[in-house]
Amino acid sequence: MAEIKLFYHDEGRIKISRNMGILKKIPMSQFVWIDLNDVTEAVEEELEDFLKIYIQEEEEIEEIEISSRYIETPDTLVANSNFLLENFEKEPVSFILKNNILVSVRSCELRSFNETVKRIFANPVNYPTGYHIFVALLETRVERDADIIEELTGEISILSKSINDVDEDILMQIKNMLDKTMSIRENIIDKQRVVSNMLKSALFPNELKPRLSIVIKDINSLIEHTKFGFERLDYMQDTFLGLVNIQQNKIIKIFTVVSVIFMPPTLIASIYGMNFKHMPELEQAWGYPFSIVLMITACILILIYFRKKKWL
């Protein structure tokens, strides 16, 4: 649902408005955050003219080059990042910081934004500028990423205990978890690049850089967790494929043993199935029982040999 939210200070509190007209009624110094959620181009253009900023198109926000992910001018910071949705799809978000105002551009509801709004209203004194809100959004997002990794780690642990029999569904679950782990890792590394550039920026307030440093440390910790999860899933996949090979070897072994056991009886049957005129056993009354006993004896001898060699 298209929505615009304008957060501004008023008598020690932070209030919210959904009417663009309030921009002309309240001094710009009171605004801290303007959140654009799937708004029209007309709204974006009006805001661009008023704040003297440039709001990137969706294609520009999704660019992977660092020159597109982070832009710094003498008075403006622009950072683009991806936020993971509940289904592990990527939602590109653009942040614009100018004159202590944060402008965020997105196209759908994000849990991290809603949680940050709750924090702002709970303690508005801690958010005097848009930079503070931007850091809070990053902290909330990293905390959410940590929860996702924790949930995924729990799923991996449960799955590892179920790898006892060969099941195609297990292999598909491992594949899906590998994809999720890679998505989380890419998402976290993307934020690492953004925060690293912010730490180098002269525009970013020095008082907030220690908090960014903590965010970087948390991100590095999450990267290590995703690496461990990926390695664990890779090991589980190798284990599963090993079980598949063992099962296939057992099946091949059974067929091989059965084939070898029936080779002598087949040979005996083939000999007595030949149409030569002079075959003494064919004219004897005991010829048929003799051939049957000979076949059974050959099978028993082979079975005894296999058991002695511990092949069975």
C-alpha atoms as a PDB file:
ATOM      1  CA  MET A   1       0.000   0.000   0.000  1.00  0.00           C
ATOM      2  CA  ALA A   2       1.403   3.400  -1.016  1.00  0.00           C
ATOM      3  CA  GLU A   3       2.162   5.509   2.039  1.00  0.00           C
ATOM      4  CA  ILE A   4       4.306   8.470   3.045  1.00  0.00           C
ATOM      5  CA  LYS A   5       5.281   9.155   6.644  1.00  0.00           C
ATOM      6  CA  LEU A   6       6.862  12.385   7.819  1.00  0.00           C
ATOM      7  CA  PHE A   7       8.447  12.326  11.282  1.00  0.00           C
ATOM      8  CA  TYR A   8       9.163  15.640  12.997  1.00  0.00           C
ATOM      9  CA  HIS A   9       9.968  17.040  16.439  1.00  0.00           C
ATOM     10  CA  ASP A  10       7.309  18.972  18.308  1.00  0.00           C
ATOM     11  CA  GLU A  11       7.766  20.086  21.922  1.00  0.00           C
ATOM     12  CA  GLY A  12      10.121  17.248  22.867  1.00  0.00           C
ATOM     13  CA  ARG A  13       8.113  14.597  21.096  1.00  0.00           C
ATOM     14  CA  ILE A  14       8.283  13.020  17.658  1.00  0.00           C
ATOM     15  CA  LYS A  15       5.070  13.200  15.704  1.00  0.00           C
ATOM     16  CA  ILE A  16       4.089  11.627  12.420  1.00  0.00           C
ATOM     17  CA  SER A  17       2.122  13.028   9.507  1.00  0.00           C
ATOM     18  CA  ARG A  18       0.974  11.459   6.247  1.00  0.00           C
ATOM     19  CA  ASN A  19       0.247  14.761   4.528  1.00  0.00           C
ATOM     20  CA  MET A  20       2.893  16.302   2.255  1.00  0.00           C
ATOM     21  CA  GLY A  21       1.402  19.735   2.952  1.00  0.00           C
ATOM     22  CA  ILE A  22       2.966  19.760   6.403  1.00  0.00           C
ATOM     23  CA  LEU A  23       6.371  20.358   4.800  1.00  0.00           C
ATOM     24  CA  LYS A  24       5.359  23.978   4.166  1.00  0.00           C
ATOM     25  CA  LYS A  25       3.911  24.500   7.628  1.00  0.00           C
ATOM     26  CA  ILE A  26       6.774  23.270   9.813  1.00  0.00           C
ATOM     27  CA  PRO A  27      10.434  24.408   9.696  1.00  0.00           C
ATOM     28  CA  MET A  28      12.729  21.935   7.951  1.00  0.00           C
ATOM     29  CA  SER A  29      14.950  21.796  11.051  1.00  0.00           C
ATOM     30  CA  GLN A  30      12.190  19.919  12.903  1.00  0.00           C
ATOM     31  CA  PHE A  31      11.967  17.044  10.411  1.00  0.00           C
ATOM     32  CA  VAL A  32      14.082  13.933  11.040  1.00  0.00           C
ATOM     33  CA  TRP A  33      12.705  11.201   8.780  1.00  0.00           C
ATOM     34  CA  ILE A  34      10.597  10.987   5.613  1.00  0.00           C
ATOM     35  CA  ASP A  35       9.651   7.408   4.760  1.00  0.00           C
ATOM     36  CA  LEU A  36       8.381   6.708   1.232  1.00  0.00           C
ATOM     37  CA  ASN A  37       6.675   3.354   0.819  1.00  0.00           C
ATOM     38  CA  ASP A  38       5.682   2.595  -2.784  1.00  0.00           C
ATOM     39  CA  VAL A  39       4.671   6.197  -3.480  1.00  0.00           C
ATOM     40  CA  THR A  40       3.938   7.631  -6.916  1.00  0.00           C
ATOM     41  CA  GLU A  41       6.469   9.451  -9.086  1.00  0.00           C
ATOM     42  CA  ALA A  42       4.536  12.685  -8.549  1.00  0.00           C
ATOM     43  CA  VAL A  43       5.125  12.492  -4.787  1.00  0.00           C
ATOM     44  CA  GLU A  44       8.818  11.732  -5.318  1.00  0.00           C
ATOM     45  CA  GLU A  45       9.208  14.662  -7.706  1.00  0.00           C
ATOM     46  CA  GLU A  46       7.506  17.036  -5.255  1.00  0.00           C
ATOM     47  CA  LEU A  47       9.821  15.894  -2.477  1.00  0.00           C
ATOM     48  CA  GLU A  48      12.876  16.199  -4.740  1.00  0.00           C
ATOM     49  CA  ASP A  49      12.003  19.819  -5.506  1.00  0.00           C
ATOM     50  CA  PHE A  50      11.382  20.642  -1.864  1.00  0.00           C
ATOM     51  CA  LEU A  51      14.489  18.998  -0.365  1.00  0.00           C
ATOM     52  CA  LYS A  52      16.755  19.537  -3.385  1.00  0.00           C
ATOM     53  CA  ILE A  53      17.647  15.862  -3.566  1.00  0.00           C
ATOM     54  CA  TYR A  54      17.572  13.148  -6.225  1.00  0.00           C
ATOM     55  CA  ILE A  55      15.564   9.988  -5.590  1.00  0.00           C
ATOM     56  CA  GLN A  56      16.933   7.100  -7.623  1.00  0.00           C
ATOM     57  CA  GLU A  57      14.823   4.891  -9.829  1.00  0.00           C
ATOM     58  CA  GLU A  58      14.291   1.285  -8.745  1.00  0.00           C
ATOM     59  CA  GLU A  59      16.761   0.032 -11.376  1.00  0.00           C
ATOM     60  CA  GLU A  60      19.446   2.357  -9.985  1.00  0.00           C
ATOM     61  CA  ILE A  61      18.785   1.231  -6.419  1.00  0.00           C
ATOM     62  CA  GLU A  62      19.244  -2.403  -7.440  1.00  0.00           C
ATOM     63  CA  GLU A  63      22.638  -1.819  -9.093  1.00  0.00           C
ATOM     64  CA  ILE A  64      25.394  -3.888  -7.491  1.00  0.00           C
ATOM     65  CA  GLU A  65      28.363  -1.613  -8.290  1.00  0.00           C
ATOM     66  CA  ILE A  66      29.737   0.198  -5.252  1.00  0.00           C
ATOM     67  CA  SER A  67      29.502   3.492  -7.157  1.00  0.00           C
ATOM     68  CA  SER A  68      25.743   2.972  -7.237  1.00  0.00           C
ATOM     69  CA  ARG A  69      25.402   1.471  -3.750  1.00  0.00           C
ATOM     70  CA  TYR A  70      27.046   4.424  -2.005  1.00  0.00           C
ATOM     71  CA  ILE A  71      27.228   8.037  -3.177  1.00  0.00           C
ATOM     72  CA  GLU A  72      28.629  10.980  -1.247  1.00  0.00           C
ATOM     73  CA  THR A  73      28.414  14.645  -2.250  1.00  0.00           C
ATOM     74  CA  PRO A  74      29.474  17.745  -0.264  1.00  0.00           C
ATOM     75  CA  ASP A  75      26.114  17.837   1.566  1.00  0.00           C
ATOM     76  CA  THR A  76      24.384  14.484   0.880  1.00  0.00           C
ATOM     77  CA  LEU A  77      24.882  10.780   1.599  1.00  0.00           C
ATOM     78  CA  VAL A  78      23.087   8.134  -0.470  1.00  0.00           C
ATOM     79  CA  ALA A  79      23.243   4.465   0.526  1.00  0.00           C
ATOM     80  CA  ASN A  80      21.394   1.593  -1.126  1.00  0.00           C
ATOM     81  CA  SER A  81      20.959  -1.743   0.575  1.00  0.00           C
ATOM     82  CA  ASN A  82      18.859  -4.903   0.385  1.00  0.00           C
ATOM     83  CA  PHE A  83      16.535  -5.965   3.181  1.00  0.00           C
ATOM     84  CA  LEU A  84      15.433  -9.612   3.341  1.00  0.00           C
ATOM     85  CA  LEU A  85      11.723 -10.348   3.417  1.00  0.00           C
ATOM     86  CA  GLU A  86      10.189 -13.263   5.309  1.00  0.00           C
ATOM     87  CA  ASN A  87      10.374 -15.414   2.151  1.00  0.00           C
ATOM     88  CA  PHE A  88      14.082 -14.549   1.725  1.00  0.00           C
ATOM     89  CA  GLU A  89      13.393 -12.325  -1.284  1.00  0.00           C
ATOM     90  CA  LYS A  90      15.440  -9.129  -1.507  1.00  0.00           C
ATOM     91  CA  GLU A  91      13.786  -5.734  -1.070  1.00  0.00           C
ATOM     92  CA  PRO A  92      15.996  -2.857  -2.267  1.00  0.00           C
ATOM     93  CA  VAL A  93      15.931   0.212  -0.009  1.00  0.00           C
ATOM     94  CA  SER A  94      17.512   3.602  -0.657  1.00  0.00           C
ATOM     95  CA  PHE A  95      18.577   5.964   2.133  1.00  0.00           C
ATOM     96  CA  ILE A  96      19.255   9.661   1.525  1.00  0.00           C
ATOM     97  CA  LEU A  97      20.766  11.796   4.298  1.00  0.00           C
ATOM     98  CA  LYS A  98      20.820  15.565   3.923  1.00  0.00           C
ATOM     99  CA  ASN A  99      20.503  18.430   6.401  1.00  0.00           C
ATOM    100  CA  ASN A 100      20.033  15.939   9.271  1.00  0.00           C
ATOM    101  CA  ILE A 101      16.962  14.503   7.524  1.00  0.00           C
ATOM    102  CA  LEU A 102      16.697  10.846   6.516  1.00  0.00           C
ATOM    103  CA  VAL A 103      14.693   9.969   3.406  1.00  0.00           C
ATOM    104  CA  SER A 104      14.038   6.253   2.925  1.00  0.00           C
ATOM    105  CA  VAL A 105      12.617   4.826  -0.308  1.00  0.00           C
ATOM    106  CA  ARG A 106      11.117   1.321  -0.481  1.00  0.00           C
ATOM    107  CA  SER A 107       8.277  -0.516  -2.176  1.00  0.00           C
ATOM    108  CA  CYS A 108       6.792  -2.777   0.524  1.00  0.00           C
ATOM    109  CA  GLU A 109       6.284  -3.163   4.268  1.00  0.00           C
ATOM    110  CA  LEU A 110       9.418  -4.060   6.220  1.00  0.00           C
ATOM    111  CA  ARG A 111       9.447  -5.426   9.743  1.00  0.00           C
ATOM    112  CA  SER A 112      12.681  -3.583  10.592  1.00  0.00           C
ATOM    113  CA  PHE A 113      11.058  -0.221   9.808  1.00  0.00           C
ATOM    114  CA  ASN A 114       8.017  -0.949  11.956  1.00  0.00           C
ATOM    115  CA  GLU A 115      10.187  -1.980  14.907  1.00  0.00           C
ATOM    116  CA  THR A 116      12.310   1.155  14.541  1.00  0.00           C
ATOM    117  CA  VAL A 117       9.208   3.340  14.579  1.00  0.00           C
ATOM    118  CA  LYS A 118       8.200   1.743  17.892  1.00  0.00           C
ATOM    119  CA  ARG A 119      11.641   2.530  19.320  1.00  0.00           C
ATOM    120  CA  ILE A 120      11.412   6.130  18.165  1.00  0.00           C
ATOM    121  CA  PHE A 121       8.078   6.745  19.846  1.00  0.00           C
ATOM    122  CA  ALA A 122       9.215   4.915  22.987  1.00  0.00           C
ATOM    123  CA  ASN A 123      12.190   7.244  23.486  1.00  0.00           C
ATOM    124  CA  PRO A 124      12.140  10.231  21.080  1.00  0.00           C
ATOM    125  CA  VAL A 125      14.995  12.020  22.886  1.00  0.00           C
ATOM    126  CA  ASN A 126      17.467   9.490  21.464  1.00  0.00           C
ATOM    127  CA  TYR A 127      16.613  10.459  17.875  1.00  0.00           C
ATOM    128  CA  PRO A 128      17.435  14.138  17.371  1.00  0.00           C
ATOM    129  CA  THR A 129      18.479  13.724  13.705  1.00  0.00           C
ATOM    130  CA  GLY A 130      17.957  11.483  10.720  1.00  0.00           C
ATOM    131  CA  TYR A 131      21.452  10.062  11.228  1.00  0.00           C
ATOM    132  CA  HIS A 132      20.341   8.614  14.569  1.00  0.00           C
ATOM    133  CA  ILE A 133      17.311   7.033  12.929  1.00  0.00           C
ATOM    134  CA  PHE A 134      19.463   5.619  10.130  1.00  0.00           C
ATOM    135  CA  VAL A 135      21.771   3.957  12.674  1.00  0.00           C
ATOM    136  CA  ALA A 136      18.727   2.615  14.541  1.00  0.00           C
ATOM    137  CA  LEU A 137      17.387   1.120  11.301  1.00  0.00           C
ATOM    138  CA  LEU A 138      20.722  -0.612  10.680  1.00  0.00           C
ATOM    139  CA  GLU A 139      20.868  -1.920  14.260  1.00  0.00           C
ATOM    140  CA  THR A 140      17.319  -3.239  14.030  1.00  0.00           C
ATOM    141  CA  ARG A 141      18.002  -4.868  10.673  1.00  0.00           C
ATOM    142  CA  VAL A 142      21.181  -6.557  11.913  1.00  0.00           C
ATOM    143  CA  GLU A 143      19.282  -7.842  14.955  1.00  0.00           C
ATOM    144  CA  ARG A 144      16.642  -9.232  12.612  1.00  0.00           C
ATOM    145  CA  ASP A 145      19.332 -10.887  10.484  1.00  0.00           C
ATOM    146  CA  ALA A 146      20.737 -12.454  13.653  1.00  0.00           C
ATOM    147  CA  ASP A 147      17.272 -13.859  14.485  1.00  0.00           C
ATOM    148  CA  ILE A 148      16.967 -15.292  10.971  1.00  0.00           C
ATOM    149  CA  ILE A 149      20.380 -16.952  11.264  1.00  0.00           C
ATOM    150  CA  GLU A 150      19.444 -18.364  14.681  1.00  0.00           C
ATOM    151  CA  GLU A 151      16.196 -19.799  13.290  1.00  0.00           C
ATOM    152  CA  LEU A 152      18.020 -21.271  10.306  1.00  0.00           C
ATOM    153  CA  THR A 153      20.678 -22.791  12.581  1.00  0.00           C
ATOM    154  CA  GLY A 154      17.904 -24.496  14.554  1.00  0.00           C
ATOM    155  CA  GLU A 155      16.417 -25.904  11.340  1.00  0.00           C
ATOM    156  CA  ILE A 156      19.854 -27.179  10.291  1.00  0.00           C
ATOM    157  CA  SER A 157      20.296 -28.930  13.650  1.00  0.00           C
ATOM    158  CA  ILE A 158      16.910 -30.631  13.331  1.00  0.00           C
ATOM    159  CA  LEU A 159      17.649 -31.666   9.751  1.00  0.00           C
ATOM    160  CA  SER A 160      21.080 -33.086  10.659  1.00  0.00           C
ATOM    161  CA  LYS A 161      19.407 -35.522  13.067  1.00  0.00           C
ATOM    162  CA  SER A 162      17.094 -36.827  10.354  1.00  0.00           C
ATOM    163  CA  ILE A 163      19.834 -37.889   7.919  1.00  0.00           C
ATOM    164  CA  ASN A 164      19.631 -41.598   8.628  1.00  0.00           C
ATOM    165  CA  ASP A 165      17.897 -42.893   5.521  1.00  0.00           C
ATOM    166  CA  VAL A 166      18.183 -41.829   1.921  1.00  0.00           C
ATOM    167  CA  ASP A 167      15.297 -39.500   1.148  1.00  0.00           C
ATOM    168  CA  GLU A 168      15.037 -37.123  -1.801  1.00  0.00           C
ATOM    169  CA  ASP A 169      13.128 -34.606   0.350  1.00  0.00           C
ATOM    170  CA  ILE A 170      16.127 -34.265   2.678  1.00  0.00           C
ATOM    171  CA  LEU A 171      18.395 -33.382  -0.228  1.00  0.00           C
ATOM    172  CA  MET A 172      15.917 -30.711  -1.365  1.00  0.00           C
ATOM    173  CA  GLN A 173      15.751 -29.301   2.168  1.00  0.00           C
ATOM    174  CA  ILE A 174      19.548 -29.074   2.279  1.00  0.00           C
ATOM    175  CA  LYS A 175      19.535 -27.285  -1.087  1.00  0.00           C
ATOM    176  CA  ASN A 176      16.880 -24.807   0.078  1.00  0.00           C
ATOM    177  CA  MET A 177      18.805 -24.077   3.287  1.00  0.00           C
ATOM    178  CA  LEU A 178      21.988 -23.535   1.297  1.00  0.00           C
ATOM    179  CA  ASP A 179      20.130 -21.003  -0.861  1.00  0.00           C
ATOM    180  CA  LYS A 180      18.780 -19.240   2.237  1.00  0.00           C
ATOM    181  CA  THR A 181      22.228 -19.151   3.830  1.00  0.00           C
ATOM    182  CA  MET A 182      23.722 -17.621   0.690  1.00  0.00           C
ATOM    183  CA  SER A 183      20.949 -15.010   0.555  1.00  0.00           C
ATOM    184  CA  ILE A 184      21.562 -14.042   4.194  1.00  0.00           C
ATOM    185  CA  ARG A 185      25.315 -13.863   3.646  1.00  0.00           C
ATOM    186  CA  GLU A 186      24.944 -11.642   0.568  1.00  0.00           C
ATOM    187  CA  ASN A 187      22.508  -9.436   2.467  1.00  0.00           C
ATOM    188  CA  ILE A 188      24.844  -9.024   5.437  1.00  0.00           C
ATOM    189  CA  ILE A 189      27.927  -8.344   3.291  1.00  0.00           C
ATOM    190  CA  ASP A 190      25.916  -5.686   1.459  1.00  0.00           C
ATOM    191  CA  LYS A 191      25.294  -3.894   4.775  1.00  0.00           C
ATOM    192  CA  GLN A 192      28.937  -4.302   5.722  1.00  0.00           C
ATOM    193  CA  ARG A 193      29.951  -2.314   2.639  1.00  0.00           C
ATOM    194  CA  VAL A 194      27.429   0.435   3.406  1.00  0.00           C
ATOM    195  CA  VAL A 195      28.453   0.791   7.057  1.00  0.00           C
ATOM    196  CA  SER A 196      32.161   0.750   6.157  1.00  0.00           C
ATOM    197  CA  ASN A 197      31.659   3.669   3.784  1.00  0.00           C
ATOM    198  CA  MET A 198      29.648   5.550   6.375  1.00  0.00           C
ATOM    199  CA  LEU A 199      32.492   5.187   8.873  1.00  0.00           C
ATOM    200  CA  LYS A 200      34.861   6.816   6.373  1.00  0.00           C
ATOM    201  CA  SER A 201      32.488   9.689   5.627  1.00  0.00           C
ATOM    202  CA  ALA A 202      33.276  13.175   6.895  1.00  0.00           C
ATOM    203  CA  LEU A 203      29.571  14.056   6.789  1.00  0.00           C
ATOM    204  CA  PHE A 204      28.548  11.332   9.200  1.00  0.00           C
ATOM    205  CA  PRO A 205      28.447  12.591  12.833  1.00  0.00           C
ATOM    206  CA  ASN A 206      31.471  11.455  14.864  1.00  0.00           C
ATOM    207  CA  GLU A 207      29.276  10.822  17.893  1.00  0.00           C
ATOM    208  CA  LEU A 208      27.489   8.019  16.001  1.00  0.00           C
ATOM    209  CA  LYS A 209      30.560   6.322  14.547  1.00  0.00           C
ATOM    210  CA  PRO A 210      31.178   4.202  17.687  1.00  0.00           C
ATOM    211  CA  ARG A 211      27.683   2.752  17.216  1.00  0.00           C
ATOM    212  CA  LEU A 212      28.495   2.029  13.576  1.00  0.00           C
ATOM    213  CA  SER A 213      31.682   0.306  14.716  1.00  0.00           C
ATOM    214  CA  ILE A 214      29.581  -1.958  16.946  1.00  0.00           C
ATOM    215  CA  VAL A 215      27.277  -2.667  13.991  1.00  0.00           C
ATOM    216  CA  ILE A 216      30.332  -3.644  11.923  1.00  0.00           C
ATOM    217  CA  LYS A 217      31.468  -6.039  14.656  1.00  0.00           C
ATOM    218  CA  ASP A 218      27.993  -7.587  14.820  1.00  0.00           C
ATOM    219  CA  ILE A 219      27.949  -7.945  11.038  1.00  0.00           C
ATOM    220  CA  ASN A 220      31.366  -9.650  11.055  1.00  0.00           C
ATOM    221  CA  SER A 221      30.098 -12.036  13.713  1.00  0.00           C
ATOM    222  CA  LEU A 222      27.030 -12.853  11.606  1.00  0.00           C
ATOM    223  CA  ILE A 223      29.214 -13.474   8.560  1.00  0.00           C
ATOM    224  CA  GLU A 224      31.178 -16.058  10.569  1.00  0.00           C
ATOM    225  CA  HIS A 225      27.914 -17.702  11.662  1.00  0.00           C
ATOM    226  CA  THR A 226      26.685 -17.925   8.076  1.00  0.00           C
ATOM    227  CA  LYS A 227      30.052 -19.378   7.044  1.00  0.00           C
ATOM    228  CA  PHE A 228      29.725 -22.041   9.738  1.00  0.00           C
ATOM    229  CA  GLY A 229      26.142 -22.778   8.667  1.00  0.00           C
ATOM    230  CA  PHE A 230      27.181 -23.083   5.029  1.00  0.00           C
ATOM    231  CA  GLU A 231      30.037 -25.446   5.906  1.00  0.00           C
ATOM    232  CA  ARG A 232      27.707 -27.528   8.064  1.00  0.00           C
ATOM    233  CA  LEU A 233      25.158 -27.819   5.260  1.00  0.00           C
ATOM    234  CA  ASP A 234      27.930 -28.696   2.824  1.00  0.00           C
ATOM    235  CA  TYR A 235      29.070 -31.458   5.189  1.00  0.00           C
ATOM    236  CA  MET A 236      25.474 -32.699   5.518  1.00  0.00           C
ATOM    237  CA  GLN A 237      25.151 -32.779   1.746  1.00  0.00           C
ATOM    238  CA  ASP A 238      28.365 -34.824   1.457  1.00  0.00           C
ATOM    239  CA  THR A 239      27.090 -37.156   4.181  1.00  0.00           C
ATOM    240  CA  PHE A 240      23.786 -37.605   2.378  1.00  0.00           C
ATOM    241  CA  LEU A 241      25.514 -38.349  -0.926  1.00  0.00           C
ATOM    242  CA  GLY A 242      27.763 -40.810   0.925  1.00  0.00           C
ATOM    243  CA  LEU A 243      24.667 -42.613   2.244  1.00  0.00           C
ATOM    244  CA  VAL A 244      23.297 -42.715  -1.291  1.00  0.00           C
ATOM    245  CA  ASN A 245      26.528 -44.317  -2.519  1.00  0.00           C
ATOM    246  CA  ILE A 246      26.473 -46.861   0.315  1.00  0.00           C
ATOM    247  CA  GLN A 247      22.883 -47.812  -0.470  1.00  0.00           C
ATOM    248  CA  GLN A 248      23.661 -48.119  -4.169  1.00  0.00           C
ATOM    249  CA  ASN A 249      26.711 -50.267  -3.391  1.00  0.00           C
ATOM    250  CA  LYS A 250      24.566 -52.560  -1.239  1.00  0.00           C
ATOM    251  CA  ILE A 251      22.065 -52.975  -4.062  1.00  0.00           C
ATOM    252  CA  ILE A 252      24.817 -53.643  -6.601  1.00  0.00           C
ATOM    253  CA  LYS A 253      26.409 -56.119  -4.158  1.00  0.00           C
ATOM    254  CA  ILE A 254      23.125 -58.022  -3.838  1.00  0.00           C
ATOM    255  CA  PHE A 255      22.723 -58.250  -7.603  1.00  0.00           C
ATOM    256  CA  THR A 256      26.356 -59.316  -7.982  1.00  0.00           C
ATOM    257  CA  VAL A 257      26.028 -62.083  -5.368  1.00  0.00           C
ATOM    258  CA  VAL A 258      22.793 -63.358  -6.875  1.00  0.00           C
ATOM    259  CA  SER A 259      24.363 -63.374 -10.349  1.00  0.00           C
ATOM    260  CA  VAL A 260      27.445 -65.293  -9.155  1.00  0.00           C
ATOM    261  CA  ILE A 261      25.336 -67.836  -7.220  1.00  0.00           C
ATOM    262  CA  PHE A 262      23.267 -68.671 -10.264  1.00  0.00           C
ATOM    263  CA  MET A 263      26.165 -68.823 -12.702  1.00  0.00           C
ATOM    264  CA  PRO A 264      27.130 -72.543 -11.991  1.00  0.00           C
ATOM    265  CA  PRO A 265      23.499 -73.784 -12.136  1.00  0.00           C
ATOM    266  CA  THR A 266      23.085 -71.846 -15.374  1.00  0.00           C
ATOM    267  CA  LEU A 267      26.244 -73.482 -16.751  1.00  0.00           C
ATOM    268  CA  ILE A 268      25.023 -76.961 -15.749  1.00  0.00           C
ATOM    269  CA  ALA A 269      21.594 -76.321 -17.271  1.00  0.00           C
ATOM    270  CA  SER A 270      23.254 -75.075 -20.443  1.00  0.00           C
ATOM    271  CA  ILE A 271      25.392 -78.213 -20.739  1.00  0.00           C
ATOM    272  CA  TYR A 272      22.438 -80.578 -20.358  1.00  0.00           C
ATOM    273  CA  GLY A 273      20.393 -78.420 -22.678  1.00  0.00           C
ATOM    274  CA  MET A 274      22.719 -79.165 -25.601  1.00  0.00           C
ATOM    275  CA  ASN A 275      21.347 -81.441 -28.325  1.00  0.00           C
ATOM    276  CA  PHE A 276      24.308 -83.803 -28.725  1.00  0.00           C
ATOM    277  CA  LYS A 277      23.356 -87.445 -29.426  1.00  0.00           C
ATOM    278  CA  HIS A 278      25.856 -89.053 -27.048  1.00  0.00           C
ATOM    279  CA  MET A 279      25.170 -87.614 -23.596  1.00  0.00           C
ATOM    280  CA  PRO A 280      25.185 -90.580 -21.130  1.00  0.00           C
ATOM    281  CA  GLU A 281      23.169 -88.887 -18.363  1.00  0.00           C
ATOM    282  CA  LEU A 282      20.244 -88.251 -20.691  1.00  0.00           C
ATOM    283  CA  GLU A 283      19.514 -91.953 -20.948  1.00  0.00           C
ATOM    284  CA  GLN A 284      19.816 -92.663 -17.213  1.00  0.00           C
ATOM    285  CA  ALA A 285      16.866 -92.628 -14.830  1.00  0.00           C
ATOM    286  CA  TRP A 286      18.904 -90.696 -12.264  1.00  0.00           C
ATOM    287  CA  GLY A 287      20.030 -88.034 -14.826  1.00  0.00           C
ATOM    288  CA  TYR A 288      17.448 -85.402 -13.942  1.00  0.00           C
ATOM    289  CA  PRO A 289      17.785 -85.660 -10.112  1.00  0.00           C
ATOM    290  CA  PHE A 290      21.556 -85.716 -10.520  1.00  0.00           C
ATOM    291  CA  SER A 291      21.551 -82.399 -12.437  1.00  0.00           C
ATOM    292  CA  ILE A 292      19.253 -80.783  -9.837  1.00  0.00           C
ATOM    293  CA  VAL A 293      21.435 -81.958  -6.933  1.00  0.00           C
ATOM    294  CA  LEU A 294      24.521 -80.722  -8.801  1.00  0.00           C
ATOM    295  CA  MET A 295      22.981 -77.249  -9.235  1.00  0.00           C
ATOM    296  CA  ILE A 296      21.943 -77.007  -5.565  1.00  0.00           C
ATOM    297  CA  THR A 297      25.364 -78.209  -4.418  1.00  0.00           C
ATOM    298  CA  ALA A 298      27.077 -75.554  -6.561  1.00  0.00           C
ATOM    299  CA  CYS A 299      24.885 -72.794  -5.052  1.00  0.00           C
ATOM    300  CA  ILE A 300      25.568 -74.016  -1.492  1.00  0.00           C
ATOM    301  CA  LEU A 301      29.326 -74.152  -2.063  1.00  0.00           C
ATOM    302  CA  ILE A 302      29.359 -70.574  -3.392  1.00  0.00           C
ATOM    303  CA  LEU A 303      27.284 -69.332  -0.425  1.00  0.00           C
ATOM    304  CA  ILE A 304      29.674 -71.064   2.016  1.00  0.00           C
ATOM    305  CA  TYR A 305      32.633 -69.456   0.244  1.00  0.00           C
ATOM    306  CA  PHE A 306      31.047 -65.994   0.382  1.00  0.00           C
ATOM    307  CA  ARG A 307      30.229 -66.351   4.082  1.00  0.00           C
ATOM    308  CA  LYS A 308      33.789 -67.510   4.803  1.00  0.00           C
ATOM    309  CA  LYS A 309      35.130 -64.416   3.007  1.00  0.00           C
ATOM    310  CA  LYS A 310      32.555 -62.263   4.900  1.00  0.00           C
ATOM    311  CA  TRP A 311      31.109 -60.924   1.668  1.00  0.00           C
ATOM    312  CA  LEU A 312      27.618 -61.718   2.977  1.00  0.00           C
END
